[in-house]
C-alpha atoms as a PDB file:
ATOM      1  CA  MET A   1     121.299 185.208  62.027  1.00  0.00           C
ATOM      2  CA  SER A   2     124.696 185.145  60.284  1.00  0.00           C
ATOM      3  CA  PHE A   3     123.039 184.142  57.030  1.00  0.00           C
ATOM      4  CA  ILE A   4     120.445 186.894  57.263  1.00  0.00           C
ATOM      5  CA  LYS A   5     123.087 189.458  57.937  1.00  0.00           C
ATOM      6  CA  LYS A   6     125.246 188.282  55.073  1.00  0.00           C
ATOM      7  CA  LEU A   7     122.210 188.323  52.718  1.00  0.00           C
ATOM      8  CA  ALA A   8     121.296 191.875  53.898  1.00  0.00           C
ATOM      9  CA  SER A   9     124.843 193.106  53.277  1.00  0.00           C
ATOM     10  CA  ASP A  10     124.842 191.701  49.765  1.00  0.00           C
ATOM     11  CA  LEU A  11     121.638 193.747  49.002  1.00  0.00           C
ATOM     12  CA  LEU A  12     123.068 197.107  49.882  1.00  0.00           C
ATOM     13  CA  THR A  13     123.769 197.759  46.221  1.00  0.00           C
ATOM     14  CA  LEU A  14     121.619 196.952  43.172  1.00  0.00           C
ATOM     15  CA  GLU A  15     123.485 196.687  39.895  1.00  0.00           C
ATOM     16  CA  VAL A  16     121.687 196.597  36.478  1.00  0.00           C
ATOM     17  CA  ASN A  17     123.677 195.950  33.330  1.00  0.00           C
ATOM     18  CA  THR A  18     122.457 196.193  29.729  1.00  0.00           C
ATOM     19  CA  ILE A  19     124.954 194.346  27.463  1.00  0.00           C
ATOM     20  CA  LEU A  20     125.628 194.105  23.788  1.00  0.00           C
ATOM     21  CA  ILE A  21     126.196 190.647  22.279  1.00  0.00           C
ATOM     22  CA  GLY A  22     126.812 189.635  18.683  1.00  0.00           C
ATOM     23  CA  ASN A  23     124.458 186.599  18.775  1.00  0.00           C
ATOM     24  CA  ILE A  24     122.296 184.982  21.416  1.00  0.00           C
ATOM     25  CA  ASN A  25     123.402 181.609  22.803  1.00  0.00           C
ATOM     26  CA  THR A  26     120.176 179.760  23.623  1.00  0.00           C
ATOM     27  CA  ALA A  27     122.032 176.717  25.010  1.00  0.00           C
ATOM     28  CA  LYS A  28     121.322 176.133  28.699  1.00  0.00           C
ATOM     29  CA  ALA A  29     124.125 176.830  31.038  1.00  0.00           C
ATOM     30  CA  PRO A  30     126.009 173.798  32.144  1.00  0.00           C
ATOM     31  CA  SER A  31     124.630 172.280  35.388  1.00  0.00           C
ATOM     32  CA  SER A  32     128.212 171.426  36.512  1.00  0.00           C
ATOM     33  CA  GLN A  33     129.937 174.179  38.443  1.00  0.00           C
ATOM     34  CA  ARG A  34     133.298 172.822  37.445  1.00  0.00           C
ATOM     35  CA  ILE A  35     132.438 173.117  33.731  1.00  0.00           C
ATOM     36  CA  LEU A  36     131.262 176.722  34.322  1.00  0.00           C
ATOM     37  CA  PHE A  37     134.782 177.598  35.641  1.00  0.00           C
ATOM     38  CA  PHE A  38     136.387 175.787  32.773  1.00  0.00           C
ATOM     39  CA  GLU A  39     134.219 177.611  30.181  1.00  0.00           C
ATOM     40  CA  VAL A  40     134.869 181.007  31.682  1.00  0.00           C
ATOM     41  CA  ALA A  41     138.578 180.531  31.662  1.00  0.00           C
ATOM     42  CA  LYS A  42     138.472 179.395  28.081  1.00  0.00           C
ATOM     43  CA  MET A  43     136.353 182.292  27.120  1.00  0.00           C
ATOM     44  CA  TYR A  44     138.928 184.788  28.744  1.00  0.00           C
ATOM     45  CA  ARG A  45     141.839 183.071  27.006  1.00  0.00           C
ATOM     46  CA  ASP A  46     140.162 183.295  23.652  1.00  0.00           C
ATOM     47  CA  LEU A  47     139.401 186.969  24.190  1.00  0.00           C
ATOM     48  CA  LEU A  48     143.057 187.819  25.216  1.00  0.00           C
ATOM     49  CA  GLU A  49     144.387 185.965  22.127  1.00  0.00           C
ATOM     50  CA  GLN A  50     141.864 187.760  19.904  1.00  0.00           C
ATOM     51  CA  TYR A  51     142.997 191.102  21.288  1.00  0.00           C
ATOM     52  CA  LYS A  52     146.582 190.258  20.755  1.00  0.00           C
ATOM     53  CA  VAL A  53     146.006 189.458  17.076  1.00  0.00           C
ATOM     54  CA  GLU A  54     143.769 192.442  16.498  1.00  0.00           C
ATOM     55  CA  ALA A  55     146.378 194.866  18.134  1.00  0.00           C
ATOM     56  CA  ALA A  56     149.112 193.401  15.781  1.00  0.00           C
ATOM     57  CA  LYS A  57     146.908 193.980  12.718  1.00  0.00           C
ATOM     58  CA  GLU A  58     145.609 197.454  13.637  1.00  0.00           C
ATOM     59  CA  LEU A  59     148.827 198.971  14.939  1.00  0.00           C
ATOM     60  CA  GLY A  60     151.284 197.127  12.719  1.00  0.00           C
ATOM     61  CA  MET A  61     153.147 195.974  15.818  1.00  0.00           C
ATOM     62  CA  ASP A  62     155.101 192.715  16.463  1.00  0.00           C
ATOM     63  CA  ILE A  63     153.071 192.078  19.536  1.00  0.00           C
ATOM     64  CA  ASP A  64     154.713 188.590  19.959  1.00  0.00           C
ATOM     65  CA  ALA A  65     158.091 189.987  20.534  1.00  0.00           C
ATOM     66  CA  GLY A  66     158.780 189.535  24.223  1.00  0.00           C
ATOM     67  CA  HIS A  67     155.055 189.105  24.990  1.00  0.00           C
ATOM     68  CA  ASP A  68     154.360 185.611  23.873  1.00  0.00           C
ATOM     69  CA  MET A  69     151.333 184.176  25.679  1.00  0.00           C
ATOM     70  CA  VAL A  70     151.942 180.479  26.202  1.00  0.00           C
ATOM     71  CA  TYR A  71     149.249 179.229  28.573  1.00  0.00           C
ATOM     72  CA  ARG A  72     150.440 176.489  30.860  1.00  0.00           C
ATOM     73  CA  TRP A  73     147.228 176.161  32.835  1.00  0.00           C
ATOM     74  CA  LYS A  74     144.353 175.408  30.346  1.00  0.00           C
ATOM     75  CA  PHE A  75     141.813 174.437  32.870  1.00  0.00           C
ATOM     76  CA  GLY A  76     139.372 176.391  35.251  1.00  0.00           C
ATOM     77  CA  GLY A  77     140.947 176.525  38.664  1.00  0.00           C
ATOM     78  CA  TYR A  78     143.214 178.581  40.841  1.00  0.00           C
ATOM     79  CA  PHE A  79     146.351 178.445  38.765  1.00  0.00           C
ATOM     80  CA  SER A  80     144.391 178.845  35.491  1.00  0.00           C
ATOM     81  CA  PHE A  81     142.806 182.035  36.641  1.00  0.00           C
ATOM     82  CA  ALA A  82     146.009 183.336  38.324  1.00  0.00           C
ATOM     83  CA  GLU A  83     147.743 182.885  34.975  1.00  0.00           C
ATOM     84  CA  LEU A  84     144.952 184.549  33.087  1.00  0.00           C
ATOM     85  CA  LYS A  85     145.088 187.489  35.537  1.00  0.00           C
ATOM     86  CA  ALA A  86     148.841 187.868  34.961  1.00  0.00           C
ATOM     87  CA  TYR A  87     148.499 187.856  31.096  1.00  0.00           C
ATOM     88  CA  ALA A  88     145.562 190.146  31.196  1.00  0.00           C
ATOM     89  CA  SER A  89     147.466 192.652  33.393  1.00  0.00           C
ATOM     90  CA  GLU A  90     150.330 192.547  31.015  1.00  0.00           C
ATOM     91  CA  GLY A  91     148.067 193.208  28.077  1.00  0.00           C
ATOM     92  CA  TRP A  92     146.342 196.028  29.976  1.00  0.00           C
ATOM     93  CA  ALA A  93     149.708 197.698  30.457  1.00  0.00           C
ATOM     94  CA  ILE A  94     150.715 197.347  26.811  1.00  0.00           C
ATOM     95  CA  MET A  95     147.424 198.764  25.622  1.00  0.00           C
ATOM     96  CA  HIS A  96     147.672 201.730  28.058  1.00  0.00           C
ATOM     97  CA  ASN A  97     151.140 202.558  26.742  1.00  0.00           C
ATOM     98  CA  VAL A  98     149.941 202.396  23.191  1.00  0.00           C
ATOM     99  CA  VAL A  99     146.847 204.446  23.693  1.00  0.00           C
ATOM    100  CA  LYS A 100     148.914 207.236  25.241  1.00  0.00           C
ATOM    101  CA  GLN A 101     150.658 207.776  21.827  1.00  0.00           C
ATOM    102  CA  LEU A 102     147.408 207.937  19.771  1.00  0.00           C
ATOM    103  CA  GLU A 103     145.343 210.841  18.843  1.00  0.00           C
ATOM    104  CA  GLU A 104     141.611 210.857  19.350  1.00  0.00           C
ATOM    105  CA  GLY A 105     139.867 208.699  16.774  1.00  0.00           C
ATOM    106  CA  GLU A 106     138.268 205.272  16.161  1.00  0.00           C
ATOM    107  CA  VAL A 107     141.500 203.293  16.900  1.00  0.00           C
ATOM    108  CA  ARG A 108     141.936 205.035  20.165  1.00  0.00           C
ATOM    109  CA  GLN A 109     138.347 204.543  21.184  1.00  0.00           C
ATOM    110  CA  ASP A 110     138.482 200.844  20.251  1.00  0.00           C
ATOM    111  CA  ILE A 111     141.562 200.293  22.376  1.00  0.00           C
ATOM    112  CA  PHE A 112     139.773 202.063  25.325  1.00  0.00           C
ATOM    113  CA  ALA A 113     136.875 199.683  24.899  1.00  0.00           C
ATOM    114  CA  LYS A 114     139.333 196.733  24.975  1.00  0.00           C
ATOM    115  CA  ILE A 115     140.981 198.185  28.099  1.00  0.00           C
ATOM    116  CA  ARG A 116     137.621 198.308  29.894  1.00  0.00           C
ATOM    117  CA  MET A 117     136.947 194.659  28.900  1.00  0.00           C
ATOM    118  CA  VAL A 118     140.340 193.603  30.117  1.00  0.00           C
ATOM    119  CA  ASP A 119     139.607 195.402  33.406  1.00  0.00           C
ATOM    120  CA  ARG A 120     136.499 193.231  33.845  1.00  0.00           C
ATOM    121  CA  VAL A 121     138.566 190.132  33.109  1.00  0.00           C
ATOM    122  CA  ILE A 122     141.199 191.088  35.668  1.00  0.00           C
ATOM    123  CA  ALA A 123     138.645 191.809  38.342  1.00  0.00           C
ATOM    124  CA  THR A 124     136.805 188.534  37.729  1.00  0.00           C
ATOM    125  CA  CYS A 125     140.007 186.520  37.706  1.00  0.00           C
ATOM    126  CA  GLU A 126     141.047 188.167  40.991  1.00  0.00           C
ATOM    127  CA  SER A 127     137.625 187.358  42.620  1.00  0.00           C
ATOM    128  CA  ILE A 128     137.793 183.716  41.519  1.00  0.00           C
ATOM    129  CA  GLU A 129     141.460 183.428  42.483  1.00  0.00           C
ATOM    130  CA  GLN A 130     140.630 184.694  46.038  1.00  0.00           C
ATOM    131  CA  MET A 131     137.700 182.346  46.177  1.00  0.00           C
ATOM    132  CA  PHE A 132     139.921 179.377  45.570  1.00  0.00           C
ATOM    133  CA  ILE A 133     142.500 180.704  48.100  1.00  0.00           C
ATOM    134  CA  SER A 134     139.702 180.717  50.734  1.00  0.00           C
ATOM    135  CA  ARG A 135     138.523 177.205  49.668  1.00  0.00           C
ATOM    136  CA  LYS A 136     142.068 175.901  49.937  1.00  0.00           C
ATOM    137  CA  LYS A 137     142.417 177.216  53.498  1.00  0.00           C
ATOM    138  CA  GLU A 138     139.011 175.781  54.627  1.00  0.00           C
ATOM    139  CA  TYR A 139     139.815 172.483  52.941  1.00  0.00           C
ATOM    140  CA  ALA A 140     143.185 172.254  54.648  1.00  0.00           C
ATOM    141  CA  GLU A 141     141.733 172.924  57.980  1.00  0.00           C
ATOM    142  CA  SER A 142     138.952 170.279  57.447  1.00  0.00           C
ATOM    143  CA  MET A 143     141.533 167.738  56.427  1.00  0.00           C
ATOM    144  CA  GLY A 144     143.926 168.578  59.220  1.00  0.00           C
ATOM    145  CA  LYS A 145     146.666 169.511  56.742  1.00  0.00           C
ATOM    146  CA  PRO A 146     147.474 173.229  57.192  1.00  0.00           C
ATOM    147  CA  ASN A 147     150.547 173.246  54.828  1.00  0.00           C
ATOM    148  CA  PHE A 148     149.526 172.904  51.136  1.00  0.00           C
ATOM    149  CA  ALA A 149     152.123 173.671  48.493  1.00  0.00           C
ATOM    150  CA  GLU A 150     151.641 176.956  46.866  1.00  0.00           C
ATOM    151  CA  SER A 151     152.528 175.625  43.463  1.00  0.00           C
ATOM    152  CA  PHE A 152     153.063 172.292  41.722  1.00  0.00           C
ATOM    153  CA  THR A 153     156.341 170.831  40.560  1.00  0.00           C
ATOM    154  CA  PRO A 154     157.468 172.879  37.596  1.00  0.00           C
ATOM    155  CA  ILE A 155     157.858 171.206  34.159  1.00  0.00           C
ATOM    156  CA  ASN A 156     160.390 172.018  31.636  1.00  0.00           C
ATOM    157  CA  PHE A 157     158.716 173.215  28.485  1.00  0.00           C
ATOM    158  CA  ASP A 158     159.858 173.885  24.937  1.00  0.00           C
ATOM    159  CA  PRO A 159     159.355 177.665  24.643  1.00  0.00           C
ATOM    160  CA  LEU A 160     158.423 177.189  20.956  1.00  0.00           C
ATOM    161  CA  ASP A 161     155.746 174.620  21.707  1.00  0.00           C
ATOM    162  CA  HIS A 162     152.556 176.522  22.222  1.00  0.00           C
ATOM    163  CA  LEU A 163     150.600 173.219  23.072  1.00  0.00           C
ATOM    164  CA  SER A 164     152.731 172.287  26.095  1.00  0.00           C
ATOM    165  CA  HIS A 165     150.936 172.795  29.410  1.00  0.00           C
ATOM    166  CA  TYR A 166     150.609 171.387  32.877  1.00  0.00           C
ATOM    167  CA  GLU A 167     148.686 168.173  33.402  1.00  0.00           C
ATOM    168  CA  SER A 168     145.229 168.012  34.996  1.00  0.00           C
ATOM    169  CA  HIS A 169     145.610 167.802  38.895  1.00  0.00           C
ATOM    170  CA  LEU A 170     143.221 165.446  40.442  1.00  0.00           C
ATOM    171  CA  ASP A 171     145.050 165.721  43.759  1.00  0.00           C
ATOM    172  CA  SER A 172     143.709 169.215  44.325  1.00  0.00           C
ATOM    173  CA  GLN A 173     140.029 168.463  43.374  1.00  0.00           C
ATOM    174  CA  GLY A 174     138.887 168.964  47.012  1.00  0.00           C
ATOM    175  CA  TRP A 175     139.382 172.683  46.826  1.00  0.00           C
ATOM    176  CA  ASN A 176     140.568 173.512  43.311  1.00  0.00           C
ATOM    177  CA  ASN A 177     139.355 172.971  39.709  1.00  0.00           C
ATOM    178  CA  ASP A 178     142.576 172.724  37.625  1.00  0.00           C
ATOM    179  CA  LEU A 179     141.119 169.639  35.898  1.00  0.00           C
ATOM    180  CA  SER A 180     140.590 168.651  32.301  1.00  0.00           C
ATOM    181  CA  GLU A 181     137.096 168.105  30.989  1.00  0.00           C
ATOM    182  CA  MET A 182     137.610 164.405  30.972  1.00  0.00           C
ATOM    183  CA  ASP A 183     138.730 164.351  34.669  1.00  0.00           C
ATOM    184  CA  ILE A 184     135.765 166.678  35.537  1.00  0.00           C
ATOM    185  CA  GLU A 185     133.435 163.832  34.551  1.00  0.00           C
ATOM    186  CA  LYS A 186     135.277 161.509  37.043  1.00  0.00           C
ATOM    187  CA  VAL A 187     135.041 163.670  40.221  1.00  0.00           C
ATOM    188  CA  PRO A 188     132.112 165.071  42.221  1.00  0.00           C
ATOM    189  CA  ASP A 189     131.066 168.530  41.320  1.00  0.00           C
ATOM    190  CA  ILE A 190     132.682 171.301  43.421  1.00  0.00           C
ATOM    191  CA  GLU A 191     130.400 172.546  46.266  1.00  0.00           C
ATOM    192  CA  LEU A 192     129.949 176.306  46.217  1.00  0.00           C
ATOM    193  CA  ASN A 193     128.182 178.699  48.569  1.00  0.00           C
ATOM    194  CA  PRO A 194     125.590 181.146  47.199  1.00  0.00           C
ATOM    195  CA  ASP A 195     128.194 183.954  46.753  1.00  0.00           C
ATOM    196  CA  GLU A 196     130.463 181.700  44.844  1.00  0.00           C
ATOM    197  CA  ILE A 197     127.655 180.365  42.603  1.00  0.00           C
ATOM    198  CA  SER A 198     126.563 183.890  41.809  1.00  0.00           C
ATOM    199  CA  LEU A 199     130.136 184.859  40.964  1.00  0.00           C
ATOM    200  CA  ILE A 200     130.773 182.085  38.432  1.00  0.00           C
ATOM    201  CA  ARG A 201     127.258 182.225  36.919  1.00  0.00           C
ATOM    202  CA  LYS A 202     127.452 185.964  36.384  1.00  0.00           C
ATOM    203  CA  ALA A 203     130.930 185.655  34.822  1.00  0.00           C
ATOM    204  CA  TYR A 204     129.525 182.932  32.529  1.00  0.00           C
ATOM    205  CA  GLU A 205     126.329 184.627  31.485  1.00  0.00           C
ATOM    206  CA  ILE A 206     127.918 188.076  30.823  1.00  0.00           C
ATOM    207  CA  GLY A 207     131.040 186.430  29.351  1.00  0.00           C
ATOM    208  CA  THR A 208     132.930 188.923  27.222  1.00  0.00           C
ATOM    209  CA  ALA A 209     129.881 190.825  26.065  1.00  0.00           C
ATOM    210  CA  GLN A 210     130.108 194.576  26.030  1.00  0.00           C
ATOM    211  CA  ILE A 211     128.102 196.460  28.782  1.00  0.00           C
ATOM    212  CA  LEU A 212     126.433 199.468  27.176  1.00  0.00           C
ATOM    213  CA  ILE A 213     124.781 200.929  30.149  1.00  0.00           C
ATOM    214  CA  GLN A 214     125.350 200.186  33.892  1.00  0.00           C
ATOM    215  CA  THR A 215     123.222 201.515  36.755  1.00  0.00           C
ATOM    216  CA  LYS A 216     124.135 201.172  40.384  1.00  0.00           C
ATOM    217  CA  ILE A 217     121.668 201.988  43.111  1.00  0.00           C
ATOM    218  CA  GLN A 218     122.792 202.294  46.708  1.00  0.00           C
ATOM    219  CA  ILE A 219     120.525 201.502  49.700  1.00  0.00           C
ATOM    220  CA  ASP A 220     120.896 205.214  50.792  1.00  0.00           C
ATOM    221  CA  GLY A 221     119.332 206.296  47.527  1.00  0.00           C
ATOM    222  CA  ASP A 222     122.381 207.288  45.469  1.00  0.00           C
ATOM    223  CA  ILE A 223     122.063 206.297  41.818  1.00  0.00           C
ATOM    224  CA  THR A 224     125.019 206.199  39.413  1.00  0.00           C
ATOM    225  CA  THR A 225     124.625 205.395  35.639  1.00  0.00           C
ATOM    226  CA  TYR A 226     127.599 204.624  33.392  1.00  0.00           C
ATOM    227  CA  ILE A 227     127.107 205.004  29.598  1.00  0.00           C
ATOM    228  CA  THR A 228     129.780 203.758  27.271  1.00  0.00           C
ATOM    229  CA  ARG A 229     130.972 205.503  24.174  1.00  0.00           C
ATOM    230  CA  SER A 230     129.639 202.582  22.125  1.00  0.00           C
ATOM    231  CA  PHE A 231     126.102 203.449  23.233  1.00  0.00           C
ATOM    232  CA  ILE A 232     126.527 207.130  22.431  1.00  0.00           C
ATOM    233  CA  ASN A 233     127.665 206.249  18.894  1.00  0.00           C
ATOM    234  CA  GLN A 234     124.391 204.162  18.282  1.00  0.00           C
ATOM    235  CA  GLN A 235     121.616 205.585  16.132  1.00  0.00           C
ATOM    236  CA  GLN A 236     119.013 207.634  18.107  1.00  0.00           C
ATOM    237  CA  GLN A 237     116.271 205.041  17.499  1.00  0.00           C
ATOM    238  CA  ILE A 238     118.603 202.288  18.873  1.00  0.00           C
ATOM    239  CA  GLN A 239     119.493 204.436  21.912  1.00  0.00           C
ATOM    240  CA  GLN A 240     115.843 204.993  22.706  1.00  0.00           C
ATOM    241  CA  THR A 241     115.166 201.255  22.462  1.00  0.00           C
ATOM    242  CA  VAL A 242     118.071 200.327  24.622  1.00  0.00           C
ATOM    243  CA  LEU A 243     117.239 202.953  27.190  1.00  0.00           C
ATOM    244  CA  GLY A 244     113.680 201.789  27.359  1.00  0.00           C
ATOM    245  CA  MET A 245     114.804 198.227  27.964  1.00  0.00           C
ATOM    246  CA  HIS A 246     117.355 199.403  30.680  1.00  0.00           C
ATOM    247  CA  ASN A 247     114.750 201.537  32.477  1.00  0.00           C
ATOM    248  CA  ASP A 248     112.314 198.607  32.427  1.00  0.00           C
ATOM    249  CA  ALA A 249     115.024 196.319  33.889  1.00  0.00           C
ATOM    250  CA  ILE A 250     115.747 198.882  36.680  1.00  0.00           C
ATOM    251  CA  GLN A 251     111.968 199.013  37.519  1.00  0.00           C
ATOM    252  CA  ARG A 252     111.694 195.220  37.663  1.00  0.00           C
ATOM    253  CA  SER A 253     114.916 194.889  39.617  1.00  0.00           C
ATOM    254  CA  THR A 254     114.006 197.483  42.248  1.00  0.00           C
ATOM    255  CA  GLN A 255     110.666 195.751  42.763  1.00  0.00           C
ATOM    256  CA  PHE A 256     112.325 192.452  43.275  1.00  0.00           C
ATOM    257  CA  TRP A 257     115.013 194.125  45.455  1.00  0.00           C
ATOM    258  CA  SER A 258     112.310 195.648  47.702  1.00  0.00           C
ATOM    259  CA  HIS A 259     110.558 192.201  47.946  1.00  0.00           C
ATOM    260  CA  LEU A 260     113.863 190.599  49.044  1.00  0.00           C
ATOM    261  CA  PHE A 261     114.209 193.130  51.824  1.00  0.00           C
ATOM    262  CA  ASP A 262     110.702 192.367  52.976  1.00  0.00           C
ATOM    263  CA  VAL A 263     111.631 188.719  53.202  1.00  0.00           C
ATOM    264  CA  ILE A 264     114.871 189.493  55.148  1.00  0.00           C
ATOM    265  CA  ILE A 265     112.890 191.747  57.652  1.00  0.00           C
ATOM    266  CA  ASN A 266     110.469 188.870  58.204  1.00  0.00           C
ATOM    267  CA  LEU A 267     113.217 186.332  58.659  1.00  0.00           C
ATOM    268  CA  ALA A 268     115.071 188.567  61.053  1.00  0.00           C
ATOM    269  CA  GLY A 269     111.878 189.098  63.001  1.00  0.00           C
ATOM    270  CA  GLN A 270     111.282 185.358  63.270  1.00  0.00           C
ATOM    271  CA  SER A 271     114.853 184.820  64.430  1.00  0.00           C
ATOM    272  CA  PHE A 272     114.605 187.442  67.117  1.00  0.00           C
ATOM    273  CA  ASP A 273     111.308 185.968  68.331  1.00  0.00           C
ATOM    274  CA  LYS A 274     112.961 182.649  68.744  1.00  0.00           C
ATOM    275  CA  ILE A 275     115.822 184.093  70.614  1.00  0.00           C
ATOM    276  CA  PHE A 276     113.641 185.865  73.079  1.00  0.00           C
ATOM    277  CA  ALA A 277     111.372 182.851  73.406  1.00  0.00           C
ATOM    278  CA  LYS A 278     114.388 180.769  74.426  1.00  0.00           C
ATOM    279  CA  LYS A 279     115.452 183.314  77.064  1.00  0.00           C
ATOM    280  CA  LYS A 280     111.918 183.297  78.636  1.00  0.00           C
END
């Protein structure tokens, strides 16, 4: 019954996104969950570095001064995503301070688009970070070791060496994923529940693509649609094509959504029948 209740709770809101990507990657998603985390973290690091370079170029700012991003955790686990969240939050604050000083125009709109993207990175990193925290607690309890260290022994780095970073940590493989690609091949894949699989696969599939239109449908019938400025700036023909695709996606999703609820109702009915049968 707990599984059915959890599944029903997850279906209270339907979210449909139409995204814009520069080119389509036809490669199949990695089958290893560990590699998925590794790839998402790398994707986010590349994005933040790209934003830093673009900001310096567009605004003529010495963005490196006092805000040098030297990644110490270049993996795909708890510490990697915690570090990414910290850098993304710092970048978010810098961009907000800059955008306040700009007049309306293309540069200001571009920075706002970047801010929204960084919002998504921060939210995803936070979710993944919390996921690893929960896994750590469960793993500690299962191993009978309630006191795991919150951090590893610090290493003295050369601040001018951008290649220096922490080593891969096989000792935390039971709950964590701060492992190199080479070490990932040596250990069993990380076991995830359905929610965790959905989280990392959605992060991987959407990546850093821009969401043009987002529609959220609540179980009580409330429908909210968000449209970005990038969509409004498209030609009318492109807008009509994208809207048509988005509406079609909503229709198909709601049909599937309805079907899932029917399945849950049937499962719940069967569970109650078994409970009453046992009582008799």
